[in-house]
């Protein structure tokens, strides 16, 4: 495989890895409704500020979110809304798998 193609796969994997945690999925979903400060996300997830900040740093490093500082607070937004299409795709996979499993159970 050529190095350009491999680099593309590695870049894709970085984004998938950034999304691969329930708390980060919650954050992305919440940010789809608009800008949120770290304190709001901390209360929502039920984790401490440092943990939520680490999740946000991973998402930012992957290019999924942007941040904006205002005084002592940091606010986050989704950088690209197309990431929400990923949720739709995952739910389609879940539904398809569930239908296939139901078909198997009907045969038993």
C-alpha atoms as a PDB file:
ATOM      1  CA  UNK A   1       0.000   0.000   0.000  1.00  0.00           C
ATOM      2  CA  UNK A   2       1.341   3.432  -0.822  1.00  0.00           C
ATOM      3  CA  UNK A   3       2.157   5.878   1.959  1.00  0.00           C
ATOM      4  CA  UNK A   4      -0.525   8.421   1.002  1.00  0.00           C
ATOM      5  CA  UNK A   5      -3.277   5.838   1.233  1.00  0.00           C
ATOM      6  CA  UNK A   6      -1.920   4.533   4.523  1.00  0.00           C
ATOM      7  CA  UNK A   7      -1.777   8.078   5.910  1.00  0.00           C
ATOM      8  CA  UNK A   8      -5.455   8.538   5.003  1.00  0.00           C
ATOM      9  CA  UNK A   9      -6.414   5.329   6.832  1.00  0.00           C
ATOM     10  CA  UNK A  10      -4.403   6.415   9.859  1.00  0.00           C
ATOM     11  CA  UNK A  11      -6.133   9.835   9.850  1.00  0.00           C
ATOM     12  CA  UNK A  12      -9.535   8.122   9.676  1.00  0.00           C
ATOM     13  CA  UNK A  13      -8.593   5.817  12.545  1.00  0.00           C
ATOM     14  CA  UNK A  14      -7.609   8.826  14.670  1.00  0.00           C
ATOM     15  CA  UNK A  15     -11.116  10.256  14.249  1.00  0.00           C
ATOM     16  CA  UNK A  16     -12.775   6.915  15.015  1.00  0.00           C
ATOM     17  CA  UNK A  17     -10.613   6.506  18.126  1.00  0.00           C
ATOM     18  CA  UNK A  18     -11.560  10.002  19.289  1.00  0.00           C
ATOM     19  CA  UNK A  19     -15.231   9.071  19.026  1.00  0.00           C
ATOM     20  CA  UNK A  20     -14.789   5.649  20.640  1.00  0.00           C
ATOM     21  CA  UNK A  21     -15.974   6.431  24.152  1.00  0.00           C
ATOM     22  CA  UNK A  22     -19.545   6.875  25.447  1.00  0.00           C
ATOM     23  CA  UNK A  23     -18.693  10.162  27.168  1.00  0.00           C
ATOM     24  CA  UNK A  24     -17.239  11.598  23.979  1.00  0.00           C
ATOM     25  CA  UNK A  25     -20.315  10.508  22.031  1.00  0.00           C
ATOM     26  CA  UNK A  26     -22.475  12.293  24.609  1.00  0.00           C
ATOM     27  CA  UNK A  27     -20.341  15.406  24.233  1.00  0.00           C
ATOM     28  CA  UNK A  28     -20.647  15.376  20.440  1.00  0.00           C
ATOM     29  CA  UNK A  29     -24.401  14.848  20.669  1.00  0.00           C
ATOM     30  CA  UNK A  30     -24.783  17.704  23.151  1.00  0.00           C
ATOM     31  CA  UNK A  31     -22.665  20.034  21.052  1.00  0.00           C
ATOM     32  CA  UNK A  32     -24.946  19.323  18.091  1.00  0.00           C
ATOM     33  CA  UNK A  33     -27.491  21.483  19.969  1.00  0.00           C
ATOM     34  CA  UNK A  34     -25.063  24.390  20.323  1.00  0.00           C
ATOM     35  CA  UNK A  35     -22.120  25.713  22.263  1.00  0.00           C
ATOM     36  CA  UNK A  36     -21.521  24.352  25.771  1.00  0.00           C
ATOM     37  CA  UNK A  37     -19.036  25.230  28.477  1.00  0.00           C
ATOM     38  CA  UNK A  38     -16.949  22.586  30.209  1.00  0.00           C
ATOM     39  CA  UNK A  39     -19.029  23.020  33.374  1.00  0.00           C
ATOM     40  CA  UNK A  40     -22.249  22.105  31.506  1.00  0.00           C
ATOM     41  CA  UNK A  41     -20.644  19.032  29.955  1.00  0.00           C
ATOM     42  CA  UNK A  42     -19.176  17.985  33.303  1.00  0.00           C
ATOM     43  CA  UNK A  43     -22.609  18.097  34.943  1.00  0.00           C
ATOM     44  CA  UNK A  44     -24.147  16.176  32.048  1.00  0.00           C
ATOM     45  CA  UNK A  45     -21.569  13.387  31.986  1.00  0.00           C
ATOM     46  CA  UNK A  46     -21.180  13.184  35.748  1.00  0.00           C
ATOM     47  CA  UNK A  47     -17.390  13.180  35.647  1.00  0.00           C
ATOM     48  CA  UNK A  48     -14.872  15.599  37.088  1.00  0.00           C
ATOM     49  CA  UNK A  49     -13.596  18.586  35.132  1.00  0.00           C
ATOM     50  CA  UNK A  50     -10.194  17.053  34.408  1.00  0.00           C
ATOM     51  CA  UNK A  51     -11.747  13.912  32.895  1.00  0.00           C
ATOM     52  CA  UNK A  52     -14.135  15.898  30.708  1.00  0.00           C
ATOM     53  CA  UNK A  53     -11.286  18.203  29.688  1.00  0.00           C
ATOM     54  CA  UNK A  54      -9.245  15.187  28.569  1.00  0.00           C
ATOM     55  CA  UNK A  55     -12.167  13.933  26.481  1.00  0.00           C
ATOM     56  CA  UNK A  56     -12.548  17.382  24.936  1.00  0.00           C
ATOM     57  CA  UNK A  57      -8.812  17.573  24.215  1.00  0.00           C
ATOM     58  CA  UNK A  58      -8.992  14.288  22.309  1.00  0.00           C
ATOM     59  CA  UNK A  59     -11.965  15.530  20.307  1.00  0.00           C
ATOM     60  CA  UNK A  60     -10.207  18.824  19.588  1.00  0.00           C
ATOM     61  CA  UNK A  61      -6.979  17.091  18.577  1.00  0.00           C
ATOM     62  CA  UNK A  62      -8.962  14.946  16.130  1.00  0.00           C
ATOM     63  CA  UNK A  63     -10.529  18.067  14.601  1.00  0.00           C
ATOM     64  CA  UNK A  64     -14.058  17.351  15.804  1.00  0.00           C
ATOM     65  CA  UNK A  65     -14.553  20.309  18.176  1.00  0.00           C
ATOM     66  CA  UNK A  66     -13.358  23.902  18.526  1.00  0.00           C
ATOM     67  CA  UNK A  67     -12.897  25.798  21.755  1.00  0.00           C
ATOM     68  CA  UNK A  68     -13.300  29.426  22.735  1.00  0.00           C
ATOM     69  CA  UNK A  69     -12.096  30.944  25.984  1.00  0.00           C
ATOM     70  CA  UNK A  70     -14.181  33.575  27.749  1.00  0.00           C
ATOM     71  CA  UNK A  71     -12.711  34.653  31.070  1.00  0.00           C
ATOM     72  CA  UNK A  72     -12.117  31.542  33.156  1.00  0.00           C
ATOM     73  CA  UNK A  73     -14.497  29.397  31.138  1.00  0.00           C
ATOM     74  CA  UNK A  74     -13.906  27.423  27.960  1.00  0.00           C
ATOM     75  CA  UNK A  75     -16.761  26.886  25.513  1.00  0.00           C
ATOM     76  CA  UNK A  76     -16.890  24.159  22.882  1.00  0.00           C
ATOM     77  CA  UNK A  77     -18.672  23.788  19.557  1.00  0.00           C
ATOM     78  CA  UNK A  78     -18.688  21.147  16.867  1.00  0.00           C
ATOM     79  CA  UNK A  79     -16.180  22.024  14.197  1.00  0.00           C
ATOM     80  CA  UNK A  80     -17.984  20.047  11.490  1.00  0.00           C
ATOM     81  CA  UNK A  81     -21.630  19.018  11.664  1.00  0.00           C
ATOM     82  CA  UNK A  82     -21.132  16.120   9.262  1.00  0.00           C
ATOM     83  CA  UNK A  83     -19.831  14.081  12.213  1.00  0.00           C
ATOM     84  CA  UNK A  84     -23.502  13.666  13.126  1.00  0.00           C
ATOM     85  CA  UNK A  85     -23.922  11.552   9.977  1.00  0.00           C
ATOM     86  CA  UNK A  86     -21.713   9.026  11.729  1.00  0.00           C
ATOM     87  CA  UNK A  87     -24.402   8.625  14.414  1.00  0.00           C
ATOM     88  CA  UNK A  88     -27.013   7.900  11.739  1.00  0.00           C
ATOM     89  CA  UNK A  89     -24.744   5.328  10.127  1.00  0.00           C
ATOM     90  CA  UNK A  90     -24.052   3.568  13.431  1.00  0.00           C
ATOM     91  CA  UNK A  91     -27.770   3.442  14.238  1.00  0.00           C
ATOM     92  CA  UNK A  92     -28.468   1.921  10.817  1.00  0.00           C
ATOM     93  CA  UNK A  93     -25.878  -0.788  11.527  1.00  0.00           C
ATOM     94  CA  UNK A  94     -27.476  -1.438  14.932  1.00  0.00           C
ATOM     95  CA  UNK A  95     -30.961  -1.720  13.419  1.00  0.00           C
ATOM     96  CA  UNK A  96     -29.776  -3.995  10.613  1.00  0.00           C
ATOM     97  CA  UNK A  97     -27.972  -6.262  13.055  1.00  0.00           C
ATOM     98  CA  UNK A  98     -31.021  -6.376  15.334  1.00  0.00           C
ATOM     99  CA  UNK A  99     -33.274  -7.347  12.402  1.00  0.00           C
ATOM    100  CA  UNK A 100     -30.893 -10.121  11.387  1.00  0.00           C
ATOM    101  CA  UNK A 101     -30.799 -11.459  14.937  1.00  0.00           C
ATOM    102  CA  UNK A 102     -34.598 -11.417  15.116  1.00  0.00           C
ATOM    103  CA  UNK A 103     -34.766 -13.402  11.870  1.00  0.00           C
ATOM    104  CA  UNK A 104     -32.408 -15.970  13.341  1.00  0.00           C
ATOM    105  CA  UNK A 105     -34.551 -16.284  16.473  1.00  0.00           C
ATOM    106  CA  UNK A 106     -37.683 -16.825  14.384  1.00  0.00           C
ATOM    107  CA  UNK A 107     -36.009 -19.845  12.769  1.00  0.00           C
ATOM    108  CA  UNK A 108     -35.390 -21.504  16.150  1.00  0.00           C
END
